[in-house]
PDB file of N, CA and C in Angstrom:
ATOM      1  N   MET A   1       0.852  -1.177  -0.026  1.00  0.00           N
ATOM      2  CA  MET A   1       0.037  -0.004   0.020  1.00  0.00           C
ATOM      3  C   MET A   1       0.887   1.197  -0.040  1.00  0.00           C
ATOM      4  N   VAL A   2       0.457   2.289  -0.719  1.00  0.00           N
ATOM      5  CA  VAL A   2       1.179   3.568  -0.748  1.00  0.00           C
ATOM      6  C   VAL A   2       0.249   4.625  -0.141  1.00  0.00           C
ATOM      7  N   LYS A   3       0.899   5.435   0.816  1.00  0.00           N
ATOM      8  CA  LYS A   3       0.235   6.566   1.392  1.00  0.00           C
ATOM      9  C   LYS A   3       0.613   7.796   0.678  1.00  0.00           C
ATOM     10  N   HIS A   4      -0.311   8.760   0.512  1.00  0.00           N
ATOM     11  CA  HIS A   4      -0.132  10.041  -0.139  1.00  0.00           C
ATOM     12  C   HIS A   4      -0.692  11.114   0.828  1.00  0.00           C
ATOM     13  N   VAL A   5       0.156  11.831   1.451  1.00  0.00           N
ATOM     14  CA  VAL A   5      -0.224  12.841   2.444  1.00  0.00           C
ATOM     15  C   VAL A   5       0.218  14.223   1.955  1.00  0.00           C
ATOM     16  N   ILE A   6      -0.706  15.169   2.011  1.00  0.00           N
ATOM     17  CA  ILE A   6      -0.445  16.577   1.613  1.00  0.00           C
ATOM     18  C   ILE A   6      -0.931  17.457   2.740  1.00  0.00           C
ATOM     19  N   LEU A   7      -0.084  18.521   2.983  1.00  0.00           N
ATOM     20  CA  LEU A   7      -0.443  19.613   3.920  1.00  0.00           C
ATOM     21  C   LEU A   7      -0.485  20.853   3.081  1.00  0.00           C
ATOM     22  N   TRP A   8      -1.533  21.642   3.215  1.00  0.00           N
ATOM     23  CA  TRP A   8      -1.680  22.914   2.544  1.00  0.00           C
ATOM     24  C   TRP A   8      -1.852  24.034   3.463  1.00  0.00           C
ATOM     25  N   THR A   9      -1.368  25.196   3.013  1.00  0.00           N
ATOM     26  CA  THR A   9      -1.613  26.468   3.717  1.00  0.00           C
ATOM     27  C   THR A   9      -2.412  27.296   2.703  1.00  0.00           C
ATOM     28  N   LEU A  10      -3.507  27.907   3.154  1.00  0.00           N
ATOM     29  CA  LEU A  10      -4.310  28.799   2.280  1.00  0.00           C
ATOM     30  C   LEU A  10      -3.683  30.194   2.185  1.00  0.00           C
ATOM     31  N   LYS A  11      -4.018  30.842   1.105  1.00  0.00           N
ATOM     32  CA  LYS A  11      -3.469  32.199   0.887  1.00  0.00           C
ATOM     33  C   LYS A  11      -4.056  33.115   1.969  1.00  0.00           C
ATOM     34  N   ASP A  12      -3.164  34.069   2.370  1.00  0.00           N
ATOM     35  CA  ASP A  12      -3.499  35.008   3.470  1.00  0.00           C
ATOM     36  C   ASP A  12      -4.580  35.993   3.028  1.00  0.00           C
ATOM     37  N   GLU A  13      -4.866  36.134   1.806  1.00  0.00           N
ATOM     38  CA  GLU A  13      -5.813  37.188   1.292  1.00  0.00           C
ATOM     39  C   GLU A  13      -7.238  36.841   1.630  1.00  0.00           C
ATOM     40  N   PHE A  14      -7.463  35.586   2.123  1.00  0.00           N
ATOM     41  CA  PHE A  14      -8.840  35.206   2.409  1.00  0.00           C
ATOM     42  C   PHE A  14      -9.177  35.428   3.895  1.00  0.00           C
ATOM     43  N   SER A  15     -10.390  35.863   4.169  1.00  0.00           N
ATOM     44  CA  SER A  15     -10.870  36.040   5.516  1.00  0.00           C
ATOM     45  C   SER A  15     -11.048  34.640   6.185  1.00  0.00           C
ATOM     46  N   ASP A  16     -11.215  34.604   7.514  1.00  0.00           N
ATOM     47  CA  ASP A  16     -11.426  33.374   8.228  1.00  0.00           C
ATOM     48  C   ASP A  16     -12.767  32.719   7.695  1.00  0.00           C
ATOM     49  N   ALA A  17     -13.794  33.433   7.423  1.00  0.00           N
ATOM     50  CA  ALA A  17     -15.007  32.884   6.847  1.00  0.00           C
ATOM     51  C   ALA A  17     -14.787  32.295   5.458  1.00  0.00           C
ATOM     52  N   GLN A  18     -14.058  33.035   4.665  1.00  0.00           N
ATOM     53  CA  GLN A  18     -13.755  32.453   3.310  1.00  0.00           C
ATOM     54  C   GLN A  18     -12.935  31.206   3.424  1.00  0.00           C
ATOM     55  N   LYS A  19     -11.965  31.232   4.280  1.00  0.00           N
ATOM     56  CA  LYS A  19     -11.107  29.977   4.493  1.00  0.00           C
ATOM     57  C   LYS A  19     -11.943  28.864   4.904  1.00  0.00           C
ATOM     58  N   ALA A  20     -12.889  29.019   5.768  1.00  0.00           N
ATOM     59  CA  ALA A  20     -13.772  27.921   6.223  1.00  0.00           C
ATOM     60  C   ALA A  20     -14.510  27.338   5.042  1.00  0.00           C
ATOM     61  N   ASP A  21     -15.044  28.200   4.152  1.00  0.00           N
ATOM     62  CA  ASP A  21     -15.793  27.760   2.968  1.00  0.00           C
ATOM     63  C   ASP A  21     -14.879  27.091   1.977  1.00  0.00           C
ATOM     64  N   ILE A  22     -13.675  27.604   1.751  1.00  0.00           N
ATOM     65  CA  ILE A  22     -12.688  26.974   0.890  1.00  0.00           C
ATOM     66  C   ILE A  22     -12.306  25.622   1.418  1.00  0.00           C
ATOM     67  N   LYS A  23     -12.022  25.458   2.715  1.00  0.00           N
ATOM     68  CA  LYS A  23     -11.618  24.152   3.279  1.00  0.00           C
ATOM     69  C   LYS A  23     -12.748  23.142   3.099  1.00  0.00           C
ATOM     70  N   LYS A  24     -14.017  23.539   3.348  1.00  0.00           N
ATOM     71  CA  LYS A  24     -15.194  22.752   3.142  1.00  0.00           C
ATOM     72  C   LYS A  24     -15.288  22.249   1.686  1.00  0.00           C
ATOM     73  N   GLY A  25     -15.072  23.157   0.748  1.00  0.00           N
ATOM     74  CA  GLY A  25     -15.077  22.843  -0.647  1.00  0.00           C
ATOM     75  C   GLY A  25     -14.020  21.800  -1.091  1.00  0.00           C
ATOM     76  N   ILE A  26     -12.812  22.039  -0.549  1.00  0.00           N
ATOM     77  CA  ILE A  26     -11.764  21.087  -0.809  1.00  0.00           C
ATOM     78  C   ILE A  26     -12.020  19.685  -0.289  1.00  0.00           C
ATOM     79  N   LYS A  27     -12.565  19.705   0.955  1.00  0.00           N
ATOM     80  CA  LYS A  27     -12.848  18.383   1.614  1.00  0.00           C
ATOM     81  C   LYS A  27     -13.898  17.667   0.808  1.00  0.00           C
ATOM     82  N   GLU A  28     -14.998  18.377   0.469  1.00  0.00           N
ATOM     83  CA  GLU A  28     -16.057  17.704  -0.311  1.00  0.00           C
ATOM     84  C   GLU A  28     -15.557  17.218  -1.682  1.00  0.00           C
ATOM     85  N   GLY A  29     -14.754  18.077  -2.324  1.00  0.00           N
ATOM     86  CA  GLY A  29     -14.300  17.739  -3.645  1.00  0.00           C
ATOM     87  C   GLY A  29     -13.386  16.493  -3.604  1.00  0.00           C
ATOM     88  N   LEU A  30     -12.344  16.509  -2.756  1.00  0.00           N
ATOM     89  CA  LEU A  30     -11.390  15.389  -2.726  1.00  0.00           C
ATOM     90  C   LEU A  30     -12.029  14.127  -2.202  1.00  0.00           C
ATOM     91  N   GLU A  31     -12.818  14.218  -1.118  1.00  0.00           N
ATOM     92  CA  GLU A  31     -13.439  12.991  -0.564  1.00  0.00           C
ATOM     93  C   GLU A  31     -14.450  12.444  -1.481  1.00  0.00           C
ATOM     94  N   GLY A  32     -15.044  13.286  -2.356  1.00  0.00           N
ATOM     95  CA  GLY A  32     -15.966  12.890  -3.361  1.00  0.00           C
ATOM     96  C   GLY A  32     -15.354  12.043  -4.449  1.00  0.00           C
ATOM     97  N   LEU A  33     -14.016  11.932  -4.465  1.00  0.00           N
ATOM     98  CA  LEU A  33     -13.289  11.132  -5.484  1.00  0.00           C
ATOM     99  C   LEU A  33     -13.325   9.630  -5.109  1.00  0.00           C
ATOM    100  N   LYS A  34     -13.634   9.341  -3.845  1.00  0.00           N
ATOM    101  CA  LYS A  34     -13.637   7.980  -3.423  1.00  0.00           C
ATOM    102  C   LYS A  34     -14.554   7.141  -4.303  1.00  0.00           C
ATOM    103  N   GLY A  35     -14.027   6.016  -4.743  1.00  0.00           N
ATOM    104  CA  GLY A  35     -14.823   5.152  -5.643  1.00  0.00           C
ATOM    105  C   GLY A  35     -14.764   5.474  -7.127  1.00  0.00           C
ATOM    106  N   GLN A  36     -14.048   6.623  -7.443  1.00  0.00           N
ATOM    107  CA  GLN A  36     -13.915   7.020  -8.854  1.00  0.00           C
ATOM    108  C   GLN A  36     -12.542   6.796  -9.421  1.00  0.00           C
ATOM    109  N   ILE A  37     -11.584   6.566  -8.485  1.00  0.00           N
ATOM    110  CA  ILE A  37     -10.165   6.426  -8.920  1.00  0.00           C
ATOM    111  C   ILE A  37      -9.694   4.994  -8.739  1.00  0.00           C
ATOM    112  N   PRO A  38      -9.284   4.297  -9.894  1.00  0.00           N
ATOM    113  CA  PRO A  38      -8.813   2.921  -9.763  1.00  0.00           C
ATOM    114  C   PRO A  38      -7.667   2.810  -8.797  1.00  0.00           C
ATOM    115  N   GLY A  39      -7.734   1.852  -7.905  1.00  0.00           N
ATOM    116  CA  GLY A  39      -6.610   1.656  -7.035  1.00  0.00           C
ATOM    117  C   GLY A  39      -6.581   2.494  -5.757  1.00  0.00           C
ATOM    118  N   MET A  40      -7.587   3.440  -5.605  1.00  0.00           N
ATOM    119  CA  MET A  40      -7.612   4.267  -4.439  1.00  0.00           C
ATOM    120  C   MET A  40      -8.317   3.439  -3.317  1.00  0.00           C
ATOM    121  N   ILE A  41      -7.650   3.378  -2.204  1.00  0.00           N
ATOM    122  CA  ILE A  41      -8.239   2.574  -1.115  1.00  0.00           C
ATOM    123  C   ILE A  41      -9.088   3.511  -0.152  1.00  0.00           C
ATOM    124  N   ASP A  42      -8.528   4.684   0.140  1.00  0.00           N
ATOM    125  CA  ASP A  42      -9.194   5.620   1.042  1.00  0.00           C
ATOM    126  C   ASP A  42      -8.728   7.001   0.765  1.00  0.00           C
ATOM    127  N   ILE A  43      -9.577   7.948   1.159  1.00  0.00           N
ATOM    128  CA  ILE A  43      -9.162   9.388   1.044  1.00  0.00           C
ATOM    129  C   ILE A  43      -9.973  10.175   2.121  1.00  0.00           C
ATOM    130  N   LYS A  44      -9.214  10.915   2.863  1.00  0.00           N
ATOM    131  CA  LYS A  44      -9.715  11.794   3.885  1.00  0.00           C
ATOM    132  C   LYS A  44      -9.082  13.147   3.910  1.00  0.00           C
ATOM    133  N   VAL A  45      -9.855  14.135   4.240  1.00  0.00           N
ATOM    134  CA  VAL A  45      -9.275  15.479   4.327  1.00  0.00           C
ATOM    135  C   VAL A  45      -9.676  16.052   5.739  1.00  0.00           C
ATOM    136  N   ASN A  46      -8.683  16.437   6.463  1.00  0.00           N
ATOM    137  CA  ASN A  46      -8.888  17.025   7.834  1.00  0.00           C
ATOM    138  C   ASN A  46      -8.766  18.537   7.673  1.00  0.00           C
ATOM    139  N   ILE A  47      -9.878  19.248   8.033  1.00  0.00           N
ATOM    140  CA  ILE A  47      -9.881  20.711   7.893  1.00  0.00           C
ATOM    141  C   ILE A  47     -10.018  21.461   9.213  1.00  0.00           C
ATOM    142  N   ASP A  48      -9.797  20.710  10.351  1.00  0.00           N
ATOM    143  CA  ASP A  48      -9.880  21.273  11.639  1.00  0.00           C
ATOM    144  C   ASP A  48      -8.536  21.067  12.444  1.00  0.00           C
ATOM    145  N   PRO A  49      -7.465  21.801  12.029  1.00  0.00           N
ATOM    146  CA  PRO A  49      -6.229  21.576  12.777  1.00  0.00           C
ATOM    147  C   PRO A  49      -6.300  22.220  14.122  1.00  0.00           C
ATOM    148  N   LEU A  50      -5.467  21.739  15.015  1.00  0.00           N
ATOM    149  CA  LEU A  50      -5.311  22.408  16.354  1.00  0.00           C
ATOM    150  C   LEU A  50      -4.563  23.740  16.106  1.00  0.00           C
ATOM    151  N   ALA A  51      -4.745  24.636  17.155  1.00  0.00           N
ATOM    152  CA  ALA A  51      -4.054  25.896  17.104  1.00  0.00           C
ATOM    153  C   ALA A  51      -2.512  25.793  16.977  1.00  0.00           C
ATOM    154  N   SER A  52      -2.015  24.716  17.411  1.00  0.00           N
ATOM    155  CA  SER A  52      -0.542  24.514  17.392  1.00  0.00           C
ATOM    156  C   SER A  52      -0.015  24.165  15.977  1.00  0.00           C
ATOM    157  N   SER A  53      -0.925  23.895  15.030  1.00  0.00           N
ATOM    158  CA  SER A  53      -0.522  23.563  13.630  1.00  0.00           C
ATOM    159  C   SER A  53      -0.062  24.731  12.850  1.00  0.00           C
ATOM    160  N   ASN A  54       0.768  24.505  11.872  1.00  0.00           N
ATOM    161  CA  ASN A  54       1.218  25.585  10.969  1.00  0.00           C
ATOM    162  C   ASN A  54       0.732  25.354   9.496  1.00  0.00           C
ATOM    163  N   CYS A  55      -0.305  24.673   9.365  1.00  0.00           N
ATOM    164  CA  CYS A  55      -0.970  24.448   8.103  1.00  0.00           C
ATOM    165  C   CYS A  55      -2.480  24.540   8.307  1.00  0.00           C
ATOM    166  N   ASP A  56      -3.258  24.618   7.192  1.00  0.00           N
ATOM    167  CA  ASP A  56      -4.731  24.777   7.266  1.00  0.00           C
ATOM    168  C   ASP A  56      -5.492  23.464   7.018  1.00  0.00           C
ATOM    169  N   LEU A  57      -4.987  22.566   6.277  1.00  0.00           N
ATOM    170  CA  LEU A  57      -5.655  21.281   6.049  1.00  0.00           C
ATOM    171  C   LEU A  57      -4.747  20.191   5.546  1.00  0.00           C
ATOM    172  N   MET A  58      -5.172  18.968   5.631  1.00  0.00           N
ATOM    173  CA  MET A  58      -4.379  17.890   5.340  1.00  0.00           C
ATOM    174  C   MET A  58      -5.186  16.813   4.564  1.00  0.00           C
ATOM    175  N   LEU A  59      -4.563  16.273   3.520  1.00  0.00           N
ATOM    176  CA  LEU A  59      -5.101  15.178   2.760  1.00  0.00           C
ATOM    177  C   LEU A  59      -4.327  13.921   3.238  1.00  0.00           C
ATOM    178  N   ASP A  60      -5.030  12.853   3.520  1.00  0.00           N
ATOM    179  CA  ASP A  60      -4.474  11.516   3.917  1.00  0.00           C
ATOM    180  C   ASP A  60      -5.150  10.551   3.032  1.00  0.00           C
ATOM    181  N   SER A  61      -4.410   9.991   2.085  1.00  0.00           N
ATOM    182  CA  SER A  61      -5.034   9.016   1.101  1.00  0.00           C
ATOM    183  C   SER A  61      -4.170   7.775   0.982  1.00  0.00           C
ATOM    184  N   SER A  62      -4.756   6.709   0.577  1.00  0.00           N
ATOM    185  CA  SER A  62      -4.085   5.427   0.435  1.00  0.00           C
ATOM    186  C   SER A  62      -4.437   4.811  -0.918  1.00  0.00           C
ATOM    187  N   PHE A  63      -3.421   4.191  -1.469  1.00  0.00           N
ATOM    188  CA  PHE A  63      -3.554   3.603  -2.828  1.00  0.00           C
ATOM    189  C   PHE A  63      -2.960   2.165  -2.729  1.00  0.00           C
ATOM    190  N   GLU A  64      -3.460   1.360  -3.692  1.00  0.00           N
ATOM    191  CA  GLU A  64      -2.949  -0.058  -3.733  1.00  0.00           C
ATOM    192  C   GLU A  64      -1.464  -0.083  -4.001  1.00  0.00           C
ATOM    193  N   ASP A  65      -0.955   0.768  -4.889  1.00  0.00           N
ATOM    194  CA  ASP A  65       0.418   0.748  -5.239  1.00  0.00           C
ATOM    195  C   ASP A  65       0.854   2.158  -5.859  1.00  0.00           C
ATOM    196  N   GLU A  66       2.103   2.237  -6.195  1.00  0.00           N
ATOM    197  CA  GLU A  66       2.598   3.481  -6.757  1.00  0.00           C
ATOM    198  C   GLU A  66       1.983   3.843  -8.153  1.00  0.00           C
ATOM    199  N   ALA A  67       1.657   2.763  -8.906  1.00  0.00           N
ATOM    200  CA  ALA A  67       1.057   2.920 -10.191  1.00  0.00           C
ATOM    201  C   ALA A  67      -0.357   3.569 -10.008  1.00  0.00           C
ATOM    202  N   SER A  68      -1.056   3.151  -9.011  1.00  0.00           N
ATOM    203  CA  SER A  68      -2.391   3.694  -8.737  1.00  0.00           C
ATOM    204  C   SER A  68      -2.282   5.189  -8.294  1.00  0.00           C
ATOM    205  N   LEU A  69      -1.259   5.518  -7.548  1.00  0.00           N
ATOM    206  CA  LEU A  69      -1.048   6.896  -7.164  1.00  0.00           C
ATOM    207  C   LEU A  69      -0.757   7.736  -8.379  1.00  0.00           C
ATOM    208  N   LYS A  70       0.048   7.242  -9.281  1.00  0.00           N
ATOM    209  CA  LYS A  70       0.414   8.004 -10.506  1.00  0.00           C
ATOM    210  C   LYS A  70      -0.854   8.152 -11.359  1.00  0.00           C
ATOM    211  N   GLY A  71      -1.745   7.157 -11.391  1.00  0.00           N
ATOM    212  CA  GLY A  71      -3.006   7.286 -12.116  1.00  0.00           C
ATOM    213  C   GLY A  71      -3.899   8.334 -11.537  1.00  0.00           C
ATOM    214  N   TYR A  72      -3.927   8.391 -10.249  1.00  0.00           N
ATOM    215  CA  TYR A  72      -4.751   9.407  -9.505  1.00  0.00           C
ATOM    216  C   TYR A  72      -4.311  10.790  -9.859  1.00  0.00           C
ATOM    217  N   ALA A  73      -3.004  11.029  -9.946  1.00  0.00           N
ATOM    218  CA  ALA A  73      -2.423  12.327 -10.252  1.00  0.00           C
ATOM    219  C   ALA A  73      -2.902  12.942 -11.584  1.00  0.00           C
ATOM    220  N   VAL A  74      -3.204  12.071 -12.530  1.00  0.00           N
ATOM    221  CA  VAL A  74      -3.634  12.509 -13.860  1.00  0.00           C
ATOM    222  C   VAL A  74      -5.067  12.235 -14.166  1.00  0.00           C
ATOM    223  N   HIS A  75      -5.780  11.624 -13.244  1.00  0.00           N
ATOM    224  CA  HIS A  75      -7.172  11.222 -13.456  1.00  0.00           C
ATOM    225  C   HIS A  75      -8.047  12.492 -13.661  1.00  0.00           C
ATOM    226  N   PRO A  76      -8.857  12.567 -14.685  1.00  0.00           N
ATOM    227  CA  PRO A  76      -9.608  13.821 -14.873  1.00  0.00           C
ATOM    228  C   PRO A  76     -10.485  14.284 -13.780  1.00  0.00           C
ATOM    229  N   ALA A  77     -11.044  13.410 -12.982  1.00  0.00           N
ATOM    230  CA  ALA A  77     -11.886  13.765 -11.856  1.00  0.00           C
ATOM    231  C   ALA A  77     -10.983  14.523 -10.766  1.00  0.00           C
ATOM    232  N   HIS A  78      -9.788  13.964 -10.515  1.00  0.00           N
ATOM    233  CA  HIS A  78      -8.885  14.571  -9.617  1.00  0.00           C
ATOM    234  C   HIS A  78      -8.340  15.871 -10.136  1.00  0.00           C
ATOM    235  N   VAL A  79      -7.953  15.945 -11.344  1.00  0.00           N
ATOM    236  CA  VAL A  79      -7.486  17.189 -11.965  1.00  0.00           C
ATOM    237  C   VAL A  79      -8.496  18.275 -11.902  1.00  0.00           C
ATOM    238  N   ALA A  80      -9.738  17.957 -12.063  1.00  0.00           N
ATOM    239  CA  ALA A  80     -10.860  18.973 -11.983  1.00  0.00           C
ATOM    240  C   ALA A  80     -10.946  19.524 -10.599  1.00  0.00           C
ATOM    241  N   VAL A  81     -10.905  18.658  -9.564  1.00  0.00           N
ATOM    242  CA  VAL A  81     -10.910  19.103  -8.201  1.00  0.00           C
ATOM    243  C   VAL A  81      -9.708  19.999  -7.864  1.00  0.00           C
ATOM    244  N   ALA A  82      -8.536  19.511  -8.212  1.00  0.00           N
ATOM    245  CA  ALA A  82      -7.287  20.197  -7.926  1.00  0.00           C
ATOM    246  C   ALA A  82      -7.239  21.608  -8.623  1.00  0.00           C
ATOM    247  N   ASP A  83      -7.648  21.593  -9.845  1.00  0.00           N
ATOM    248  CA  ASP A  83      -7.672  22.918 -10.551  1.00  0.00           C
ATOM    249  C   ASP A  83      -8.734  23.878 -10.112  1.00  0.00           C
ATOM    250  N   GLY A  84      -9.898  23.348  -9.710  1.00  0.00           N
ATOM    251  CA  GLY A  84     -11.104  24.184  -9.385  1.00  0.00           C
ATOM    252  C   GLY A  84     -11.182  24.468  -7.941  1.00  0.00           C
ATOM    253  N   LYS A  85     -10.799  23.611  -7.059  1.00  0.00           N
ATOM    254  CA  LYS A  85     -11.002  23.815  -5.583  1.00  0.00           C
ATOM    255  C   LYS A  85      -9.812  23.964  -4.751  1.00  0.00           C
ATOM    256  N   VAL A  86      -8.657  23.509  -5.230  1.00  0.00           N
ATOM    257  CA  VAL A  86      -7.404  23.513  -4.445  1.00  0.00           C
ATOM    258  C   VAL A  86      -6.442  24.587  -4.909  1.00  0.00           C
ATOM    259  N   ARG A  87      -5.885  24.433  -6.065  1.00  0.00           N
ATOM    260  CA  ARG A  87      -4.786  25.336  -6.523  1.00  0.00           C
ATOM    261  C   ARG A  87      -5.068  26.842  -6.508  1.00  0.00           C
ATOM    262  N   PRO A  88      -6.263  27.256  -6.831  1.00  0.00           N
ATOM    263  CA  PRO A  88      -6.522  28.685  -6.756  1.00  0.00           C
ATOM    264  C   PRO A  88      -6.416  29.347  -5.375  1.00  0.00           C
ATOM    265  N   TYR A  89      -6.583  28.483  -4.337  1.00  0.00           N
ATOM    266  CA  TYR A  89      -6.690  29.062  -2.978  1.00  0.00           C
ATOM    267  C   TYR A  89      -5.466  28.750  -2.071  1.00  0.00           C
ATOM    268  N   THR A  90      -4.551  27.932  -2.509  1.00  0.00           N
ATOM    269  CA  THR A  90      -3.493  27.513  -1.603  1.00  0.00           C
ATOM    270  C   THR A  90      -2.168  28.258  -1.923  1.00  0.00           C
ATOM    271  N   ALA A  91      -1.480  28.556  -0.842  1.00  0.00           N
ATOM    272  CA  ALA A  91      -0.231  29.310  -0.968  1.00  0.00           C
ATOM    273  C   ALA A  91       0.947  28.336  -0.909  1.00  0.00           C
ATOM    274  N   SER A  92       0.792  27.254  -0.196  1.00  0.00           N
ATOM    275  CA  SER A  92       1.936  26.287  -0.114  1.00  0.00           C
ATOM    276  C   SER A  92       1.368  24.866  -0.043  1.00  0.00           C
ATOM    277  N   ARG A  93       2.200  23.910  -0.471  1.00  0.00           N
ATOM    278  CA  ARG A  93       1.866  22.522  -0.503  1.00  0.00           C
ATOM    279  C   ARG A  93       3.064  21.719  -0.168  1.00  0.00           C
ATOM    280  N   VAL A  94       2.923  20.829   0.800  1.00  0.00           N
ATOM    281  CA  VAL A  94       3.990  19.883   1.156  1.00  0.00           C
ATOM    282  C   VAL A  94       3.439  18.479   1.018  1.00  0.00           C
ATOM    283  N   CYS A  95       4.163  17.577   0.322  1.00  0.00           N
ATOM    284  CA  CYS A  95       3.663  16.237   0.069  1.00  0.00           C
ATOM    285  C   CYS A  95       4.617  15.208   0.513  1.00  0.00           C
ATOM    286  N   MET A  96       4.158  14.104   1.042  1.00  0.00           N
ATOM    287  CA  MET A  96       4.971  12.938   1.309  1.00  0.00           C
ATOM    288  C   MET A  96       4.185  11.704   0.868  1.00  0.00           C
ATOM    289  N   ASP A  97       4.839  10.915  -0.007  1.00  0.00           N
ATOM    290  CA  ASP A  97       4.345   9.668  -0.464  1.00  0.00           C
ATOM    291  C   ASP A  97       5.308   8.594   0.167  1.00  0.00           C
ATOM    292  N   TYR A  98       4.701   7.496   0.569  1.00  0.00           N
ATOM    293  CA  TYR A  98       5.569   6.436   1.184  1.00  0.00           C
ATOM    294  C   TYR A  98       4.816   5.049   1.147  1.00  0.00           C
ATOM    295  N   GLU A  99       5.598   3.978   1.162  1.00  0.00           N
ATOM    296  CA  GLU A  99       5.054   2.650   1.256  1.00  0.00           C
ATOM    297  C   GLU A  99       4.756   2.380   2.665  1.00  0.00           C
ATOM    298  N   ALA A 100       3.495   1.857   2.882  1.00  0.00           N
ATOM    299  CA  ALA A 100       3.064   1.495   4.262  1.00  0.00           C
ATOM    300  C   ALA A 100       2.986  -0.001   4.417  1.00  0.00           C
TER     301      ALA A 100
END
C-alpha cells in the first residue's frame, strides 16, 4: 500500500469565513473522489487543525500501489478538483508519499 499525504496552507488574502468555505469545498471535492479512482483505497481531508498547527488542512489518502497513485495524479476527476477547488486558494503545499 502507498500513502499520499499533503499539507496545505491557504492564501493570506482570504478572511477566516472564506477560508472555512474553501476548506469545506476542498474536503467535499477530494473526498468525493472515493470510488472514482482505480486503485484508491481511502481518502480523507482534515480541515480542523489544532491551534498548534502551521498548516490549514491535510489530505491523507491510500492507494494499492505506486502505479495507482500515478494514475490518480492525472485522473480527470482529480485534476478537476485540484484545478477548481485547491490550486486557486493554496499558498503552499507539502507532500509525502511512502510505502506503508
